[in-house]
Amino acid sequence: KFILHPMMTTNKQILLIVLFLAIIFILSALNIYAGKMYGPAPTPVIYRTYTISMNLTDSRPTTAFLTSIASTYPLLYREDTLVVNTTPVWFTTANQEFTIYITNATPVSANQSIILKATSTANDTGGITWQLEVPLYLVFPQQIYAQWYVVITENLGGNSYVVFAFRTGLEGLADLLNNLTEIGGYLMAVNGEPYYLWNYYYGYNPTTGTRSTYYEVGLPGISIYYTWVGQGINATPWPSQGFSEVLEVLKYGFSEYANSTLINELELIPNETVGEITNYGYTVYQRPRLVPFGPLAYTSPILLLPNGTIINPTCLPGTYYILTVYYVTQSDYEIPIYETKNYPLGLYLLNGSLLFGGYLQAYDFYNMITIPITPVQYLAPTYQSEVVGYTQCVLTIFTNTSIDGDGSIMKGAFNESLVIPAPNNIPKPSGTLIRDDGQVNAEILIHEIVMYMEYHLSTALYRLR
């Protein structure tokens, strides 16, 4: 304990003693809290904004693919042409909510993963814009290199379903983002083949009432189709007599379940407009008087869990489709005359990169086989050498320990109130800092310094906890 006698102490001595006490106090405090000190405060993270704009459409074939199959696969050509001629390119995507994810598929550093994501809603014609807030150190001055996942999900009923998933080859993150922000951009597949995001598609133009060509980004996970009902086995046409009455008494029901949850339900009456366009199926199947239903749209039940895991729909319990044809009585009572429970197709990879599948499978009474009900072109025989099955039940694209690029983690504020602990109750000596004789009161000075240091040190240590 120091005892300072006012008559024996000069201002210089007082300052030396105060400095000595301050050093002792700091060393003691650091020794006490050494186990709680985590190093210097992090520097603020600077972000660069990347704006990704796309026109989204479904899995309809491109104009180039349609042209290529016109003579080699005429039935497929006629079926797909009917879809694109009668539905707008935004039929399945307008006003829907989509989330884009970009994550590293290969390590970028020890125990670290990156996830960039943004959610937005498409406009009335399927146009959408996402803004990604990317930590600058990931792209500048040197960009990070890895293989990357680019995933788009559609948000339905509180769950996320994968409508586009692609694994790139080794490339820089800045290069990848620049390709995504460019209209007409592409992704590089694992095998080095370019996958062009933007393509030309046919679609019905409501303004002109005819087919037009559009520049769009196709989503393999969203399908659109027409179904046709004949009489009896092998899609026998209905007899001409009474066919008009048949159109009045049939309905078609479609239900889709994922993980035992109903995610899509439709009930349709015959589409007489399409019936007249196709002479009730004759121009498509060369059989008269088939009853057309549609267009029907559905999203493949490829579930993305919150922990970053994609589930193969063939491994997801309670995942199936129910198709029903109803006879409607005069009192509007619906009697099922045909009903079937169908399970989804498995997943596939195009060039080791594009993941797609989960499509409705149904029995085709025209060809007497079970087929996937989707216009996606990658299941056509022309792609057979580039497509392989993906048999794993899960695919993890990110983890909960990721660096979050949408700002929800790295730019977040404290969620709790900041409570500063009060300093210890040190008794304050009597008197004033400057005595009547003009000299410094050493006891008062030391007390004020100790109080100041303890308060600010305790505040700093609290923030580091």
Protein backbone atom coordinates (compact mmCIF):
# COMPACT_ATOMS: atom_id res chain seq x y z
CA LYS A 1 0.00 0.00 0.00
CA PHE A 2 1.33 3.41 -0.96
CA ILE A 3 1.04 6.22 1.58
CA LEU A 4 1.49 9.63 0.01
CA HIS A 5 2.23 12.54 2.27
CA PRO A 6 1.28 15.81 0.61
CA MET A 7 4.28 17.64 1.97
CA MET A 8 6.71 14.98 0.69
CA THR A 9 5.38 14.54 -2.85
CA THR A 10 6.08 16.63 -5.93
CA ASN A 11 4.00 16.66 -9.10
CA LYS A 12 6.75 14.75 -10.92
CA GLN A 13 6.79 12.06 -8.29
CA ILE A 14 3.01 11.82 -8.42
CA LEU A 15 3.06 11.27 -12.18
CA LEU A 16 5.73 8.56 -11.85
CA ILE A 17 3.71 6.80 -9.19
CA VAL A 18 0.53 7.04 -11.26
CA LEU A 19 2.31 5.61 -14.31
CA PHE A 20 3.68 2.77 -12.21
CA LEU A 21 0.23 1.97 -10.84
CA ALA A 22 -1.31 2.11 -14.30
CA ILE A 23 1.22 -0.41 -15.64
CA ILE A 24 0.63 -2.72 -12.68
CA PHE A 25 -3.13 -2.48 -13.16
CA ILE A 26 -3.00 -3.21 -16.89
CA LEU A 27 -0.68 -6.20 -16.45
CA SER A 28 -2.91 -7.59 -13.71
CA ALA A 29 -6.05 -7.15 -15.77
CA LEU A 30 -4.53 -8.76 -18.85
CA ASN A 31 -3.35 -11.68 -16.74
CA ILE A 32 -6.85 -12.16 -15.30
CA TYR A 33 -8.65 -11.96 -18.69
CA ALA A 34 -5.99 -13.58 -20.87
CA GLY A 35 -8.16 -16.63 -21.39
CA LYS A 36 -10.97 -14.46 -22.77
CA MET A 37 -9.02 -12.29 -25.19
CA TYR A 38 -9.49 -13.41 -28.79
CA GLY A 39 -7.17 -11.03 -30.55
CA PRO A 40 -7.76 -7.72 -32.26
CA ALA A 41 -11.23 -6.68 -33.41
CA PRO A 42 -11.95 -7.75 -37.01
CA THR A 43 -11.69 -5.17 -39.73
CA PRO A 44 -14.96 -4.22 -41.47
CA VAL A 45 -15.86 -6.44 -44.45
CA ILE A 46 -16.23 -4.63 -47.77
CA TYR A 47 -18.78 -6.02 -50.22
CA ARG A 48 -19.14 -5.94 -53.98
CA THR A 49 -22.64 -6.16 -55.45
CA TYR A 50 -23.28 -8.49 -58.39
CA THR A 51 -26.65 -8.15 -60.15
CA ILE A 52 -27.91 -11.28 -61.89
CA SER A 53 -30.90 -10.84 -64.20
CA MET A 54 -32.58 -13.69 -66.08
CA ASN A 55 -35.72 -14.46 -68.03
CA LEU A 56 -36.85 -17.79 -66.59
CA THR A 57 -38.80 -20.44 -68.43
CA ASP A 58 -39.58 -24.12 -67.91
CA SER A 59 -37.86 -27.22 -69.29
CA ARG A 60 -39.29 -26.81 -72.80
CA PRO A 61 -36.82 -27.66 -75.59
CA THR A 62 -34.82 -24.98 -77.35
CA THR A 63 -35.64 -23.92 -80.89
CA ALA A 64 -32.42 -25.54 -82.09
CA PHE A 65 -33.32 -28.88 -80.52
CA LEU A 66 -36.82 -28.83 -81.99
CA THR A 67 -35.42 -28.24 -85.45
CA SER A 68 -32.95 -31.10 -85.02
CA ILE A 69 -35.61 -33.73 -84.18
CA ALA A 70 -38.28 -32.73 -86.70
CA SER A 71 -37.47 -35.59 -89.07
CA THR A 72 -35.73 -38.09 -86.77
CA TYR A 73 -38.27 -38.11 -83.92
CA PRO A 74 -41.49 -36.79 -85.48
CA LEU A 75 -43.83 -37.80 -82.62
CA LEU A 76 -41.65 -36.12 -80.01
CA TYR A 77 -41.42 -33.10 -82.28
CA ARG A 78 -45.21 -32.86 -82.58
CA GLU A 79 -45.75 -33.24 -78.83
CA ASP A 80 -43.16 -30.60 -77.93
CA THR A 81 -44.32 -28.24 -80.66
CA LEU A 82 -47.84 -28.31 -79.25
CA VAL A 83 -46.51 -27.29 -75.82
CA VAL A 84 -44.40 -24.37 -77.07
CA ASN A 85 -47.05 -23.14 -79.52
CA THR A 86 -49.80 -22.90 -76.90
CA THR A 87 -48.08 -21.79 -73.66
CA PRO A 88 -46.17 -18.56 -72.94
CA VAL A 89 -42.55 -19.03 -71.93
CA TRP A 90 -43.44 -17.56 -68.53
CA PHE A 91 -46.41 -19.90 -67.97
CA THR A 92 -44.71 -21.64 -65.03
CA THR A 93 -42.37 -18.93 -63.73
CA ALA A 94 -44.35 -15.66 -63.63
CA ASN A 95 -44.76 -14.24 -60.12
CA GLN A 96 -42.98 -17.20 -58.53
CA GLU A 97 -40.29 -16.86 -55.84
CA PHE A 98 -36.83 -18.23 -56.63
CA THR A 99 -33.58 -18.36 -54.66
CA ILE A 100 -30.14 -18.58 -56.23
CA TYR A 101 -27.21 -20.19 -54.40
CA ILE A 102 -23.52 -20.18 -55.30
CA THR A 103 -21.37 -22.42 -53.13
CA ASN A 104 -17.95 -24.00 -53.38
CA ALA A 105 -18.02 -27.67 -54.40
CA THR A 106 -14.32 -28.14 -53.62
CA PRO A 107 -12.36 -26.75 -50.64
CA VAL A 108 -11.05 -23.19 -50.79
CA SER A 109 -9.30 -23.29 -47.38
CA ALA A 110 -9.28 -25.42 -44.28
CA ASN A 111 -12.67 -25.81 -42.60
CA GLN A 112 -14.24 -23.06 -44.67
CA SER A 113 -17.07 -23.00 -47.16
CA ILE A 114 -18.76 -20.18 -49.01
CA ILE A 115 -22.42 -19.60 -49.73
CA LEU A 116 -23.75 -16.68 -51.71
CA LYS A 117 -27.53 -16.49 -51.98
CA ALA A 118 -30.36 -14.15 -52.84
CA THR A 119 -34.13 -14.51 -53.12
CA SER A 120 -36.43 -12.64 -55.48
CA THR A 121 -39.82 -12.90 -57.17
CA ALA A 122 -40.20 -13.07 -60.94
CA ASN A 123 -42.35 -10.51 -62.70
CA ASP A 124 -45.41 -11.14 -64.88
CA THR A 125 -43.26 -12.41 -67.77
CA GLY A 126 -40.76 -14.50 -65.78
CA GLY A 127 -38.05 -11.86 -65.53
CA ILE A 128 -36.10 -11.90 -62.29
CA THR A 129 -33.20 -10.01 -60.71
CA TRP A 130 -31.05 -11.15 -57.81
CA GLN A 131 -28.45 -9.03 -56.05
CA LEU A 132 -25.55 -10.84 -54.40
CA GLU A 133 -23.47 -9.06 -51.77
CA VAL A 134 -20.05 -10.70 -52.15
CA PRO A 135 -17.20 -10.10 -49.68
CA LEU A 136 -14.58 -8.28 -51.71
CA TYR A 137 -11.70 -10.44 -50.51
CA LEU A 138 -13.26 -13.42 -52.33
CA VAL A 139 -12.86 -11.76 -55.74
CA PHE A 140 -10.19 -9.04 -55.31
CA PRO A 141 -7.25 -8.56 -55.57
CA GLN A 142 -7.02 -12.31 -56.27
CA GLN A 143 -10.17 -14.32 -56.82
CA ILE A 144 -10.74 -17.64 -55.09
CA TYR A 145 -10.62 -20.72 -57.32
CA ALA A 146 -12.74 -23.83 -56.86
CA GLN A 147 -15.41 -25.92 -58.48
CA TRP A 148 -18.76 -24.28 -57.73
CA TYR A 149 -22.40 -25.24 -57.36
CA VAL A 150 -24.92 -22.92 -58.98
CA VAL A 151 -28.39 -23.82 -57.71
CA ILE A 152 -31.80 -22.22 -58.23
CA THR A 153 -34.72 -23.29 -56.07
CA GLU A 154 -38.42 -22.55 -56.31
CA ASN A 155 -40.01 -21.80 -52.97
CA LEU A 156 -43.29 -23.71 -52.55
CA GLY A 157 -45.23 -24.03 -49.32
CA GLY A 158 -42.27 -23.01 -47.20
CA ASN A 159 -39.91 -25.56 -48.78
CA SER A 160 -37.22 -25.20 -51.44
CA TYR A 161 -37.29 -27.41 -54.54
CA VAL A 162 -34.33 -27.52 -56.90
CA VAL A 163 -35.20 -26.42 -60.43
CA PHE A 164 -31.62 -25.88 -61.60
CA ALA A 165 -28.39 -27.35 -60.23
CA PHE A 166 -24.99 -27.23 -61.89
CA ARG A 167 -21.45 -28.09 -60.79
CA THR A 168 -18.78 -26.13 -62.63
CA GLY A 169 -15.23 -27.00 -63.48
CA LEU A 170 -12.35 -25.29 -61.70
CA GLU A 171 -12.68 -21.53 -62.14
CA GLY A 172 -12.39 -18.25 -60.30
CA LEU A 173 -15.36 -16.92 -58.38
CA ALA A 174 -15.18 -13.52 -60.09
CA ASP A 175 -15.19 -15.20 -63.51
CA LEU A 176 -18.21 -17.28 -62.52
CA LEU A 177 -20.13 -14.26 -61.24
CA ASN A 178 -19.30 -12.25 -64.35
CA ASN A 179 -20.66 -15.05 -66.54
CA LEU A 180 -23.86 -15.16 -64.50
CA THR A 181 -24.39 -11.41 -64.71
CA GLU A 182 -23.87 -11.39 -68.48
CA ILE A 183 -26.90 -11.79 -70.72
CA GLY A 184 -25.99 -14.78 -72.85
CA GLY A 185 -23.50 -16.13 -70.30
CA TYR A 186 -22.52 -19.75 -69.84
CA LEU A 187 -21.20 -22.17 -67.22
CA MET A 188 -18.21 -24.44 -67.72
CA ALA A 189 -18.97 -28.09 -67.01
CA VAL A 190 -16.70 -30.44 -65.09
CA ASN A 191 -15.59 -32.02 -68.37
CA GLY A 192 -14.76 -28.64 -69.89
CA GLU A 193 -17.86 -28.39 -72.08
CA PRO A 194 -19.70 -25.03 -72.00
CA TYR A 195 -23.31 -25.05 -70.85
CA TYR A 196 -25.09 -22.05 -72.30
CA LEU A 197 -27.60 -20.67 -69.83
CA TRP A 198 -29.41 -18.51 -72.36
CA ASN A 199 -31.13 -20.05 -75.36
CA TYR A 200 -33.89 -19.27 -77.82
CA TYR A 201 -37.29 -20.78 -77.07
CA TYR A 202 -40.68 -20.73 -78.73
CA GLY A 203 -43.67 -19.58 -76.75
CA TYR A 204 -47.22 -18.43 -77.26
CA ASN A 205 -47.46 -14.64 -77.55
CA PRO A 206 -50.74 -13.43 -75.99
CA THR A 207 -50.42 -10.07 -77.73
CA THR A 208 -50.28 -11.45 -81.27
CA GLY A 209 -52.04 -14.75 -80.65
CA THR A 210 -49.21 -16.57 -82.42
CA ARG A 211 -45.91 -18.22 -81.58
CA SER A 212 -42.90 -15.97 -80.93
CA THR A 213 -39.23 -16.54 -80.16
CA TYR A 214 -37.80 -15.56 -76.77
CA TYR A 215 -34.33 -15.47 -75.21
CA GLU A 216 -34.59 -17.31 -71.89
CA VAL A 217 -32.88 -19.39 -69.22
CA GLY A 218 -34.47 -22.83 -69.02
CA LEU A 219 -35.14 -24.56 -65.68
CA PRO A 220 -35.00 -28.37 -66.02
CA GLY A 221 -36.88 -28.83 -62.75
CA ILE A 222 -40.15 -27.33 -64.02
CA SER A 223 -42.18 -29.36 -66.51
CA ILE A 224 -45.25 -28.69 -68.59
CA TYR A 225 -47.32 -31.21 -70.52
CA TYR A 226 -50.64 -32.21 -72.05
CA THR A 227 -52.36 -35.50 -71.37
CA TRP A 228 -54.87 -37.27 -73.61
CA VAL A 229 -57.64 -39.66 -72.69
CA GLY A 230 -58.96 -42.30 -75.06
CA GLN A 231 -61.38 -45.16 -74.59
CA GLY A 232 -59.99 -48.37 -73.18
CA ILE A 233 -56.60 -49.98 -73.67
CA ASN A 234 -54.07 -48.67 -76.19
CA ALA A 235 -55.80 -45.27 -76.24
CA THR A 236 -58.61 -46.40 -78.52
CA PRO A 237 -60.40 -43.32 -79.91
CA TRP A 238 -63.86 -42.50 -78.69
CA PRO A 239 -66.60 -43.23 -81.24
CA SER A 240 -67.80 -40.22 -83.16
CA GLN A 241 -71.35 -40.62 -81.93
CA GLY A 242 -71.63 -39.04 -78.51
CA PHE A 243 -68.09 -37.63 -78.45
CA SER A 244 -69.36 -34.15 -77.66
CA GLU A 245 -71.05 -35.57 -74.56
CA VAL A 246 -67.75 -37.17 -73.50
CA LEU A 247 -66.16 -33.74 -73.40
CA GLU A 248 -68.82 -32.65 -70.92
CA VAL A 249 -68.46 -35.48 -68.42
CA LEU A 250 -64.71 -36.01 -67.98
CA LYS A 251 -62.26 -34.31 -65.61
CA TYR A 252 -58.58 -34.89 -64.96
CA GLY A 253 -56.92 -34.65 -61.55
CA PHE A 254 -53.21 -34.24 -60.76
CA SER A 255 -51.71 -34.35 -57.25
CA GLU A 256 -48.03 -34.18 -56.30
CA TYR A 257 -46.66 -35.16 -52.89
CA ALA A 258 -43.15 -34.60 -51.55
CA ASN A 259 -42.18 -36.01 -48.17
CA SER A 260 -45.90 -36.79 -47.60
CA THR A 261 -46.80 -33.11 -48.15
CA LEU A 262 -49.14 -32.05 -50.95
CA ILE A 263 -47.24 -29.45 -52.99
CA ASN A 264 -49.32 -29.29 -56.17
CA GLU A 265 -52.93 -30.10 -56.97
CA LEU A 266 -54.79 -29.46 -60.21
CA GLU A 267 -58.20 -30.40 -61.59
CA LEU A 268 -58.93 -29.69 -65.24
CA ILE A 269 -61.76 -29.96 -67.71
CA PRO A 270 -61.04 -30.84 -71.37
CA ASN A 271 -59.19 -28.13 -73.29
CA GLU A 272 -61.44 -27.71 -76.31
CA THR A 273 -59.21 -25.00 -77.80
CA VAL A 274 -56.31 -27.45 -78.01
CA GLY A 275 -58.78 -30.06 -79.21
CA GLU A 276 -59.76 -27.89 -82.16
CA ILE A 277 -56.13 -26.98 -82.95
CA THR A 278 -55.13 -30.64 -83.09
CA ASN A 279 -58.40 -32.07 -84.42
CA TYR A 280 -58.68 -33.71 -81.00
CA GLY A 281 -55.32 -35.38 -81.16
CA TYR A 282 -55.22 -36.42 -84.79
CA THR A 283 -52.45 -34.02 -85.88
CA VAL A 284 -50.27 -35.26 -83.00
CA TYR A 285 -51.02 -39.00 -82.75
CA GLN A 286 -52.85 -39.73 -86.01
CA ARG A 287 -55.80 -40.95 -83.96
CA PRO A 288 -59.10 -39.08 -83.86
CA ARG A 289 -61.22 -38.07 -80.91
CA LEU A 290 -58.80 -38.09 -77.99
CA VAL A 291 -59.73 -35.85 -75.07
CA PRO A 292 -57.02 -33.26 -74.27
CA PHE A 293 -56.27 -31.97 -70.78
CA GLY A 294 -53.75 -29.30 -69.97
CA PRO A 295 -51.47 -27.58 -70.01
CA LEU A 296 -50.34 -28.96 -66.65
CA ALA A 297 -47.22 -27.67 -64.91
CA TYR A 298 -45.35 -29.18 -61.98
CA THR A 299 -42.03 -28.82 -60.18
CA SER A 300 -39.81 -31.86 -59.68
CA PRO A 301 -39.83 -32.84 -55.96
CA ILE A 302 -36.07 -32.41 -55.54
CA LEU A 303 -36.01 -31.07 -51.99
CA LEU A 304 -33.22 -28.82 -50.69
CA LEU A 305 -33.08 -29.02 -46.90
CA PRO A 306 -32.08 -26.01 -44.75
CA ASN A 307 -28.79 -27.75 -43.91
CA GLY A 308 -27.72 -27.59 -47.56
CA THR A 309 -28.56 -31.18 -48.54
CA ILE A 310 -30.35 -32.05 -51.79
CA ILE A 311 -32.47 -35.19 -51.47
CA ASN A 312 -32.89 -37.57 -54.38
CA PRO A 313 -36.69 -37.87 -54.77
CA THR A 314 -36.42 -41.64 -55.15
CA CYS A 315 -35.03 -41.73 -51.59
CA LEU A 316 -37.57 -39.33 -50.09
CA PRO A 317 -40.43 -41.18 -48.38
CA GLY A 318 -43.95 -40.14 -49.26
CA THR A 319 -42.98 -38.71 -52.65
CA TYR A 320 -45.29 -39.61 -55.52
CA TYR A 321 -47.89 -38.41 -58.04
CA ILE A 322 -51.56 -39.36 -58.26
CA LEU A 323 -53.33 -39.12 -61.62
CA THR A 324 -57.10 -39.48 -61.79
CA VAL A 325 -59.74 -39.38 -64.51
CA TYR A 326 -63.23 -38.58 -63.23
CA TYR A 327 -66.68 -39.14 -64.66
CA VAL A 328 -68.86 -36.19 -63.62
CA THR A 329 -72.55 -36.91 -63.10
CA GLN A 330 -75.37 -34.49 -63.84
CA SER A 331 -75.39 -33.56 -60.16
CA ASP A 332 -71.65 -32.74 -60.39
CA TYR A 333 -70.63 -35.80 -58.40
CA GLU A 334 -67.15 -36.96 -59.45
CA ILE A 335 -66.61 -40.69 -59.81
CA PRO A 336 -63.02 -41.89 -60.38
CA ILE A 337 -62.89 -44.16 -63.41
CA TYR A 338 -59.11 -44.34 -63.61
CA GLU A 339 -56.55 -43.63 -60.89
CA THR A 340 -52.88 -44.42 -60.60
CA LYS A 341 -50.09 -43.70 -58.12
CA ASN A 342 -46.81 -42.92 -59.84
CA TYR A 343 -43.31 -42.51 -58.41
CA PRO A 344 -40.75 -39.95 -59.62
CA LEU A 345 -37.92 -40.65 -61.98
CA GLY A 346 -34.43 -40.67 -60.47
CA LEU A 347 -31.73 -38.02 -60.94
CA TYR A 348 -29.30 -37.66 -63.83
CA LEU A 349 -26.15 -35.69 -64.63
CA LEU A 350 -25.43 -34.07 -67.99
CA ASN A 351 -21.68 -33.94 -68.66
CA GLY A 352 -21.11 -34.57 -64.97
CA SER A 353 -22.52 -31.15 -64.11
CA LEU A 354 -26.22 -30.47 -64.75
CA LEU A 355 -28.41 -32.29 -62.21
CA PHE A 356 -31.99 -32.97 -63.30
CA GLY A 357 -34.79 -35.49 -62.86
CA GLY A 358 -37.58 -36.27 -60.43
CA TYR A 359 -40.12 -36.24 -63.25
CA LEU A 360 -43.55 -37.78 -63.23
CA GLN A 361 -43.56 -41.28 -64.74
CA ALA A 362 -46.78 -42.53 -66.27
CA TYR A 363 -47.97 -45.34 -68.47
CA ASP A 364 -48.29 -44.34 -72.11
CA PHE A 365 -51.23 -46.29 -73.52
CA TYR A 366 -50.31 -45.13 -77.01
CA ASN A 367 -46.84 -46.72 -76.95
CA MET A 368 -47.63 -49.26 -74.19
CA ILE A 369 -44.65 -48.23 -72.05
CA THR A 370 -43.94 -46.14 -68.94
CA ILE A 371 -42.34 -42.82 -69.84
CA PRO A 372 -41.20 -39.63 -68.07
CA ILE A 373 -43.77 -36.88 -68.56
CA THR A 374 -41.63 -33.84 -69.30
CA PRO A 375 -40.48 -31.90 -72.36
CA VAL A 376 -36.88 -31.72 -71.10
CA GLN A 377 -34.62 -32.45 -74.04
CA TYR A 378 -31.76 -34.10 -72.12
CA LEU A 379 -33.67 -37.39 -71.86
CA ALA A 380 -33.85 -37.66 -75.64
CA PRO A 381 -31.71 -40.34 -77.35
CA THR A 382 -29.46 -37.65 -78.84
CA TYR A 383 -28.06 -36.93 -75.35
CA GLN A 384 -27.62 -40.56 -74.31
CA SER A 385 -23.81 -40.47 -74.41
CA GLU A 386 -23.67 -37.35 -72.22
CA VAL A 387 -26.11 -38.40 -69.48
CA VAL A 388 -25.49 -40.75 -66.53
CA GLY A 389 -27.67 -41.61 -63.57
CA TYR A 390 -27.02 -40.11 -60.15
CA THR A 391 -27.78 -42.89 -57.68
CA GLN A 392 -26.74 -41.26 -54.41
CA CYS A 393 -29.57 -40.34 -52.05
CA VAL A 394 -28.06 -37.02 -50.97
CA LEU A 395 -25.89 -34.24 -52.34
CA THR A 396 -24.57 -31.62 -49.91
CA ILE A 397 -24.02 -28.22 -51.51
CA PHE A 398 -23.31 -26.20 -48.36
CA THR A 399 -23.09 -26.47 -44.58
CA ASN A 400 -24.30 -24.33 -41.72
CA THR A 401 -20.72 -23.13 -41.06
CA SER A 402 -20.51 -21.31 -44.37
CA ILE A 403 -19.42 -17.74 -45.02
CA ASP A 404 -22.75 -16.17 -45.90
CA GLY A 405 -22.68 -13.83 -48.86
CA ASP A 406 -26.13 -12.32 -48.52
CA GLY A 407 -25.09 -10.31 -45.50
CA SER A 408 -27.33 -12.07 -43.01
CA ILE A 409 -24.36 -13.23 -40.95
CA MET A 410 -21.36 -11.11 -41.75
CA LYS A 411 -23.25 -7.82 -41.81
CA GLY A 412 -25.62 -8.57 -38.94
CA ALA A 413 -25.85 -6.45 -35.79
CA PHE A 414 -26.08 -7.67 -32.21
CA ASN A 415 -29.42 -9.30 -31.52
CA GLU A 416 -29.13 -8.71 -27.77
CA SER A 417 -28.97 -5.46 -25.83
CA LEU A 418 -25.42 -4.44 -25.05
CA VAL A 419 -25.11 -4.18 -21.26
CA ILE A 420 -21.91 -2.61 -19.98
CA PRO A 421 -20.87 -3.98 -16.56
CA ALA A 422 -20.47 -1.32 -13.90
CA PRO A 423 -17.00 -0.76 -12.35
CA ASN A 424 -16.26 -1.95 -8.86
CA ASN A 425 -17.42 0.32 -6.03
CA ILE A 426 -14.06 1.87 -5.11
CA PRO A 427 -14.46 4.48 -2.35
CA LYS A 428 -13.58 7.94 -3.56
CA PRO A 429 -11.19 9.89 -1.32
CA SER A 430 -12.39 13.16 0.09
CA GLY A 431 -11.21 16.47 -1.29
CA THR A 432 -10.67 17.86 -4.79
CA LEU A 433 -8.17 17.06 -7.52
CA ILE A 434 -6.37 20.40 -7.07
CA ARG A 435 -5.62 21.36 -3.51
CA ASP A 436 -5.87 24.88 -2.12
CA ASP A 437 -2.09 25.26 -2.48
CA GLY A 438 -2.27 24.52 -6.21
CA GLN A 439 -0.76 21.04 -5.98
CA VAL A 440 -2.31 17.84 -7.36
CA ASN A 441 -4.13 15.68 -4.84
CA ALA A 442 -2.47 12.33 -5.57
CA GLU A 443 -5.16 10.15 -4.01
CA ILE A 444 -7.93 11.77 -6.08
CA LEU A 445 -5.87 11.47 -9.29
CA ILE A 446 -5.07 7.80 -8.74
CA HIS A 447 -8.73 7.03 -7.97
CA GLU A 448 -9.97 8.70 -11.17
CA ILE A 449 -7.39 6.92 -13.33
CA VAL A 450 -8.20 3.52 -11.85
CA MET A 451 -11.95 4.07 -12.28
CA TYR A 452 -11.49 5.18 -15.91
CA MET A 453 -9.24 2.25 -16.78
CA GLU A 454 -11.43 -0.37 -15.10
CA TYR A 455 -14.57 0.91 -16.81
CA HIS A 456 -13.12 0.92 -20.32
CA LEU A 457 -11.22 -2.34 -19.90
CA SER A 458 -14.32 -4.12 -18.60
CA THR A 459 -16.34 -2.73 -21.52
CA ALA A 460 -13.78 -3.98 -24.05
CA LEU A 461 -13.61 -7.41 -22.45
CA TYR A 462 -17.41 -7.68 -22.53
CA ARG A 463 -17.46 -7.00 -26.26
CA LEU A 464 -14.89 -9.75 -26.79
CA ARG A 465 -16.82 -12.37 -24.84
